[in-house]
């Protein structure tokens, strides 16, 4: 699993058209899923969840 961040520039340094709202939402949802998974595993490891 990989997380990719884009800076909005193409190969030649020009600004690309902004991504659609749905693409931005999917990207944010993916990041939240990854962060939530790591938080859950960390809590499991340190014994907060029994």
N, C-alpha and C. Protein backbone atom coordinates (compact mmCIF):
# COMPACT_ATOMS: atom_id res chain seq x y z
N UNK A 1 0.85 -1.17 0.00
CA UNK A 1 0.00 0.00 0.00
C UNK A 1 0.89 1.23 0.00
N UNK A 2 0.55 2.20 -0.80
CA UNK A 2 1.38 3.40 -0.91
C UNK A 2 0.51 4.64 -0.83
N UNK A 3 1.07 5.69 -0.31
CA UNK A 3 0.41 6.98 -0.26
C UNK A 3 1.18 7.91 -1.20
N UNK A 4 0.48 8.51 -2.13
CA UNK A 4 1.13 9.37 -3.11
C UNK A 4 0.63 10.80 -2.93
N UNK A 5 1.56 11.73 -2.83
CA UNK A 5 1.20 13.14 -2.73
C UNK A 5 1.60 13.83 -4.03
N UNK A 6 0.72 14.65 -4.56
CA UNK A 6 1.02 15.36 -5.80
C UNK A 6 1.10 16.85 -5.51
N UNK A 7 2.02 17.51 -6.17
CA UNK A 7 2.16 18.94 -5.94
C UNK A 7 1.40 19.79 -6.95
N UNK A 8 0.69 19.18 -7.90
CA UNK A 8 -0.12 19.92 -8.84
C UNK A 8 0.65 20.45 -10.05
N UNK A 9 1.89 20.03 -10.22
CA UNK A 9 2.68 20.47 -11.37
C UNK A 9 2.96 19.30 -12.29
N UNK A 10 2.98 19.56 -13.59
CA UNK A 10 3.36 18.50 -14.51
C UNK A 10 4.88 18.46 -14.66
N UNK A 11 5.37 17.65 -15.59
CA UNK A 11 6.82 17.47 -15.75
C UNK A 11 7.55 18.77 -16.08
N UNK A 12 6.84 19.69 -16.74
CA UNK A 12 7.50 20.92 -17.18
C UNK A 12 7.28 22.07 -16.21
N UNK A 13 6.72 21.79 -15.05
CA UNK A 13 6.55 22.83 -14.04
C UNK A 13 5.29 23.65 -14.19
N UNK A 14 4.43 23.31 -15.17
CA UNK A 14 3.19 24.05 -15.34
C UNK A 14 2.14 23.52 -14.37
N UNK A 15 1.26 24.39 -13.96
CA UNK A 15 0.18 23.98 -13.05
C UNK A 15 -0.88 23.21 -13.83
N UNK A 16 -1.27 22.06 -13.30
CA UNK A 16 -2.31 21.26 -13.93
C UNK A 16 -3.67 21.73 -13.44
N UNK A 17 -4.69 21.31 -14.12
CA UNK A 17 -6.06 21.57 -13.66
C UNK A 17 -6.26 20.84 -12.33
N UNK A 18 -7.00 21.44 -11.43
CA UNK A 18 -7.20 20.82 -10.12
C UNK A 18 -8.02 19.55 -10.26
N UNK A 19 -7.79 18.62 -9.36
CA UNK A 19 -8.51 17.34 -9.38
C UNK A 19 -9.97 17.58 -9.00
N UNK A 20 -10.81 16.67 -9.42
CA UNK A 20 -12.23 16.79 -9.09
C UNK A 20 -12.45 16.61 -7.61
N UNK A 21 -13.57 17.06 -7.15
CA UNK A 21 -13.91 16.93 -5.72
C UNK A 21 -13.95 15.46 -5.29
N UNK A 22 -14.46 14.60 -6.17
CA UNK A 22 -14.56 13.18 -5.82
C UNK A 22 -13.16 12.59 -5.66
N UNK A 23 -12.22 12.96 -6.51
CA UNK A 23 -10.86 12.45 -6.39
C UNK A 23 -10.22 12.95 -5.09
N UNK A 24 -10.46 14.20 -4.74
CA UNK A 24 -9.92 14.74 -3.49
C UNK A 24 -10.53 14.01 -2.29
N UNK A 25 -11.83 13.73 -2.36
CA UNK A 25 -12.50 13.02 -1.27
C UNK A 25 -11.93 11.61 -1.12
N UNK A 26 -11.71 10.92 -2.27
CA UNK A 26 -11.15 9.57 -2.22
C UNK A 26 -9.75 9.59 -1.62
N UNK A 27 -8.97 10.59 -1.97
CA UNK A 27 -7.60 10.70 -1.44
C UNK A 27 -7.64 10.91 0.08
N UNK A 28 -8.52 11.81 0.53
CA UNK A 28 -8.65 12.08 1.97
C UNK A 28 -9.16 10.85 2.71
N UNK A 29 -10.11 10.14 2.11
CA UNK A 29 -10.65 8.93 2.75
C UNK A 29 -9.57 7.86 2.87
N UNK A 30 -8.73 7.75 1.86
CA UNK A 30 -7.63 6.79 1.93
C UNK A 30 -6.64 7.12 3.03
N UNK A 31 -6.31 8.41 3.16
CA UNK A 31 -5.39 8.81 4.23
C UNK A 31 -6.01 8.55 5.60
N UNK A 32 -7.29 8.85 5.76
CA UNK A 32 -7.96 8.61 7.04
C UNK A 32 -7.98 7.12 7.37
N UNK A 33 -8.19 6.29 6.38
CA UNK A 33 -8.20 4.84 6.59
C UNK A 33 -6.84 4.36 7.06
N UNK A 34 -5.78 4.83 6.42
CA UNK A 34 -4.42 4.43 6.79
C UNK A 34 -4.09 4.90 8.20
N UNK A 35 -4.39 6.16 8.51
CA UNK A 35 -4.10 6.71 9.84
C UNK A 35 -4.92 5.98 10.91
N UNK A 36 -6.18 5.70 10.61
CA UNK A 36 -7.03 4.97 11.56
C UNK A 36 -6.51 3.57 11.82
N UNK A 37 -6.03 2.91 10.78
CA UNK A 37 -5.49 1.56 10.94
C UNK A 37 -4.25 1.55 11.84
N UNK A 38 -3.36 2.50 11.58
CA UNK A 38 -2.15 2.57 12.41
C UNK A 38 -2.48 2.93 13.86
N UNK A 39 -3.45 3.82 14.05
CA UNK A 39 -3.86 4.19 15.41
C UNK A 39 -4.43 2.99 16.14
N UNK A 40 -5.28 2.21 15.46
CA UNK A 40 -5.86 1.02 16.07
C UNK A 40 -4.78 0.00 16.43
N UNK A 41 -3.86 -0.25 15.52
CA UNK A 41 -2.79 -1.22 15.79
C UNK A 41 -1.90 -0.75 16.93
N UNK A 42 -1.59 0.54 16.97
CA UNK A 42 -0.76 1.08 18.05
C UNK A 42 -1.46 0.90 19.40
N UNK A 43 -2.75 1.23 19.46
CA UNK A 43 -3.51 1.07 20.70
C UNK A 43 -3.58 -0.40 21.10
N UNK A 44 -3.69 -1.29 20.13
CA UNK A 44 -3.72 -2.73 20.41
C UNK A 44 -2.39 -3.17 21.01
N UNK A 45 -1.31 -2.69 20.43
CA UNK A 45 0.03 -3.10 20.88
C UNK A 45 0.32 -2.61 22.30
N UNK A 46 -0.08 -1.35 22.61
CA UNK A 46 0.23 -0.83 23.94
C UNK A 46 -0.82 -1.25 24.98
N UNK A 47 -1.84 -1.99 24.57
CA UNK A 47 -2.76 -2.58 25.53
C UNK A 47 -3.98 -1.75 25.88
N UNK A 48 -4.33 -0.75 25.07
CA UNK A 48 -5.52 0.02 25.37
C UNK A 48 -6.81 -0.70 25.00
N UNK A 49 -6.69 -1.61 24.02
CA UNK A 49 -7.87 -2.36 23.57
C UNK A 49 -7.71 -3.79 24.08
N UNK A 50 -8.73 -4.29 24.77
CA UNK A 50 -8.64 -5.64 25.35
C UNK A 50 -9.68 -6.55 24.76
